[in-house]
N, C-alpha and C. Protein backbone atom coordinates (compact mmCIF):
# COMPACT_ATOMS: atom_id res chain seq x y z
N UNK A 1 0.80 -0.88 0.14
CA UNK A 1 0.01 0.16 -0.06
C UNK A 1 0.78 1.55 0.14
N UNK A 2 0.34 1.75 -1.09
CA UNK A 2 1.05 3.27 -1.17
C UNK A 2 0.98 4.46 0.08
N UNK A 3 2.29 5.34 0.07
CA UNK A 3 1.94 6.46 1.63
C UNK A 3 0.60 7.50 1.43
N UNK A 4 0.56 7.03 -0.19
CA UNK A 4 -1.42 7.89 -0.15
C UNK A 4 -2.48 7.27 0.21
N UNK A 5 -2.35 6.02 0.05
CA UNK A 5 -3.33 5.35 0.69
C UNK A 5 -3.47 5.22 2.25
N UNK A 6 -2.42 5.25 2.57
CA UNK A 6 -2.18 4.78 4.13
C UNK A 6 -2.68 6.19 4.73
N UNK A 7 -1.88 7.22 4.16
CA UNK A 7 -3.02 8.97 4.73
C UNK A 7 -4.65 8.50 4.64
N UNK A 8 -4.35 7.83 3.19
CA UNK A 8 -6.20 8.12 3.12
C UNK A 8 -6.73 7.61 3.83
N UNK A 9 -6.29 6.26 4.89
CA UNK A 9 -6.95 5.44 4.89
C UNK A 9 -6.86 5.59 7.05
N UNK A 10 -6.09 6.48 7.09
CA UNK A 10 -6.01 6.76 8.46
C UNK A 10 -6.82 8.08 8.85
N UNK A 11 -7.29 8.91 7.36
CA UNK A 11 -7.73 10.08 7.63
C UNK A 11 -9.49 9.46 7.99
N UNK A 12 -10.10 8.81 7.19
CA UNK A 12 -10.72 7.67 6.66
C UNK A 12 -11.24 7.27 8.15
N UNK A 13 -10.34 7.11 8.88
CA UNK A 13 -10.30 6.26 10.26
C UNK A 13 -10.48 7.33 11.13
N UNK A 14 -9.96 8.35 11.09
CA UNK A 14 -9.99 9.33 12.21
C UNK A 14 -11.30 9.98 11.57
N UNK A 15 -11.88 10.82 10.41
CA UNK A 15 -13.64 10.91 10.38
C UNK A 15 -14.48 9.51 11.34
N UNK A 16 -14.35 8.77 10.74
CA UNK A 16 -15.32 7.44 11.19
C UNK A 16 -15.24 7.75 12.87
N UNK A 17 -14.09 8.16 13.11
CA UNK A 17 -14.07 7.58 14.98
C UNK A 17 -14.46 8.90 15.06
N UNK A 18 -14.42 10.20 14.99
CA UNK A 18 -15.21 11.42 14.75
C UNK A 18 -16.58 11.40 14.87
N UNK A 19 -17.17 10.69 13.68
CA UNK A 19 -18.87 10.58 13.70
C UNK A 19 -19.17 9.95 14.49
N UNK A 20 -18.48 8.92 15.16
CA UNK A 20 -19.35 8.06 16.23
C UNK A 20 -19.52 8.46 17.35
N UNK A 21 -17.82 9.51 17.47
CA UNK A 21 -18.34 10.13 19.46
C UNK A 21 -18.81 10.91 19.18
N UNK A 22 -19.52 11.94 17.84
CA UNK A 22 -20.13 13.23 18.08
C UNK A 22 -21.70 12.36 17.60
N UNK A 23 -22.13 11.60 16.99
CA UNK A 23 -23.30 10.76 17.07
C UNK A 23 -23.96 10.23 18.59
N UNK A 24 -22.99 9.05 19.08
CA UNK A 24 -22.93 9.32 20.75
C UNK A 24 -22.96 10.07 21.54
N UNK A 25 -22.71 11.92 21.52
CA UNK A 25 -23.11 12.77 22.39
C UNK A 25 -24.16 13.40 22.18
N UNK A 26 -24.96 13.37 21.02
CA UNK A 26 -26.02 13.85 20.63
C UNK A 26 -27.29 12.97 21.11
N UNK A 27 -26.78 11.85 21.21
CA UNK A 27 -27.99 10.33 21.71
C UNK A 27 -29.02 10.75 22.89
N UNK A 28 -28.00 11.64 23.76
CA UNK A 28 -28.61 12.17 24.86
C UNK A 28 -29.42 12.98 25.11
N UNK A 29 -29.34 14.06 23.91
CA UNK A 29 -29.92 15.13 23.99
C UNK A 29 -31.27 15.21 23.46
N UNK A 30 -32.24 15.59 23.90
CA UNK A 30 -33.29 15.68 23.50
C UNK A 30 -33.86 17.12 23.62
N UNK A 31 -35.24 16.79 22.21
CA UNK A 31 -35.79 18.07 21.77
C UNK A 31 -36.81 18.33 22.30
N UNK A 32 -37.10 19.25 22.86
CA UNK A 32 -38.15 19.90 24.28
C UNK A 32 -39.57 20.09 22.89
N UNK A 33 -38.91 20.81 21.87
CA UNK A 33 -40.44 20.79 21.20
C UNK A 33 -41.01 20.30 19.59
N UNK A 34 -40.58 18.90 20.11
CA UNK A 34 -39.86 17.88 19.24
C UNK A 34 -42.13 17.62 18.73
N UNK A 35 -42.61 17.36 19.35
CA UNK A 35 -44.06 17.20 19.82
C UNK A 35 -45.18 18.37 19.15
N UNK A 36 -44.60 19.68 19.30
CA UNK A 36 -45.26 21.03 18.77
C UNK A 36 -44.85 20.72 17.24
N UNK A 37 -43.53 20.98 16.74
CA UNK A 37 -43.30 21.00 15.37
C UNK A 37 -43.05 19.85 14.77
N UNK A 38 -43.93 18.46 15.34
CA UNK A 38 -43.84 17.62 13.84
C UNK A 38 -45.27 18.00 13.00
N UNK A 39 -45.92 18.36 13.73
CA UNK A 39 -47.11 18.71 13.13
C UNK A 39 -46.80 19.73 12.22
N UNK A 40 -45.82 20.27 12.15
CA UNK A 40 -45.47 21.39 11.50
C UNK A 40 -45.13 20.89 10.05
N UNK A 41 -44.14 19.78 10.58
CA UNK A 41 -43.12 19.21 9.66
C UNK A 41 -43.84 18.39 8.89
N UNK A 42 -44.88 17.46 9.43
CA UNK A 42 -45.66 16.77 8.49
C UNK A 42 -46.45 17.88 7.39
N UNK A 43 -47.05 18.65 7.77
CA UNK A 43 -47.61 19.28 6.79
C UNK A 43 -46.80 19.84 5.75
N UNK A 44 -45.60 20.46 6.28
CA UNK A 44 -44.67 21.28 5.28
C UNK A 44 -44.40 19.91 3.90
N UNK A 45 -43.82 18.67 4.83
CA UNK A 45 -43.31 17.25 4.16
C UNK A 45 -44.36 17.22 3.39
N UNK A 46 -46.10 17.33 2.98
CA UNK A 46 -47.03 17.31 2.52
C UNK A 46 -46.89 17.85 1.66
N UNK A 47 -47.08 19.17 2.07
CA UNK A 47 -47.40 20.00 0.49
C UNK A 47 -45.94 19.79 -0.50
N UNK A 48 -44.88 19.72 0.18
CA UNK A 48 -43.49 19.30 -0.92
C UNK A 48 -43.84 18.45 -1.50
N UNK A 49 -44.13 17.21 -1.43
CA UNK A 49 -44.95 15.57 -1.54
C UNK A 49 -45.66 16.07 -2.24
N UNK A 50 -46.64 16.63 -2.72
CA UNK A 50 -48.30 17.42 -3.12
C UNK A 50 -48.02 18.12 -4.29
N UNK A 51 -46.47 19.04 -4.04
CA UNK A 51 -46.03 19.70 -5.29
C UNK A 51 -45.23 19.33 -6.02
N UNK A 52 -44.81 18.35 -5.44
CA UNK A 52 -43.24 17.35 -5.95
C UNK A 52 -44.14 16.77 -7.31
N UNK A 53 -45.30 16.43 -6.87
CA UNK A 53 -46.00 15.13 -8.07
C UNK A 53 -47.14 15.52 -8.85
N UNK A 54 -47.57 17.01 -8.51
CA UNK A 54 -47.92 17.97 -9.20
C UNK A 54 -46.63 17.74 -10.83
N UNK A 55 -45.57 18.48 -9.77
CA UNK A 55 -44.37 18.96 -10.97
C UNK A 55 -44.27 17.73 -11.86
N UNK A 56 -44.08 16.46 -11.22
CA UNK A 56 -42.91 15.45 -12.19
C UNK A 56 -44.86 15.12 -13.17
N UNK A 57 -45.51 15.02 -12.96
CA UNK A 57 -47.00 14.73 -13.62
C UNK A 57 -46.82 15.50 -14.85
N UNK A 58 -46.69 17.32 -14.57
CA UNK A 58 -46.43 17.54 -15.31
C UNK A 58 -45.40 17.43 -16.82
N UNK A 59 -44.24 17.47 -15.86
CA UNK A 59 -42.96 17.32 -16.60
C UNK A 59 -43.20 15.82 -17.40
N UNK A 60 -43.78 14.95 -16.99
CA UNK A 60 -43.83 13.72 -18.12
C UNK A 60 -45.02 13.66 -18.85
N UNK A 61 -46.13 14.33 -18.31
CA UNK A 61 -47.46 14.54 -19.53
C UNK A 61 -46.54 15.25 -21.01
N UNK A 62 -45.95 16.59 -20.33
CA UNK A 62 -44.98 17.45 -21.24
C UNK A 62 -43.75 16.28 -22.53
N UNK A 63 -43.45 15.69 -21.26
CA UNK A 63 -42.45 14.62 -22.27
C UNK A 63 -42.91 13.70 -23.29
N UNK A 64 -44.19 13.65 -23.08
CA UNK A 64 -44.95 11.94 -23.74
C UNK A 64 -45.29 13.18 -24.93
N UNK A 65 -45.89 14.23 -24.96
CA UNK A 65 -46.67 14.88 -25.90
C UNK A 65 -45.61 15.41 -26.67
N UNK A 66 -44.92 15.59 -26.30
CA UNK A 66 -43.31 16.27 -27.19
C UNK A 66 -42.81 14.45 -28.16
């Protein structure tokens, strides 16, 4: 294995460990506003999906027509 590969392997390992430690540190913290923001998030996601379906339907129809 060349020097560059060793360096990249060490760098990837460091990033992996840092991500693991960061994930573990966040698991203990709860979100107090989670239940109140869930309804708003569901409404926003639903509106985005509806808009996406309309846009895709229009785009596919336009593609088929041309």
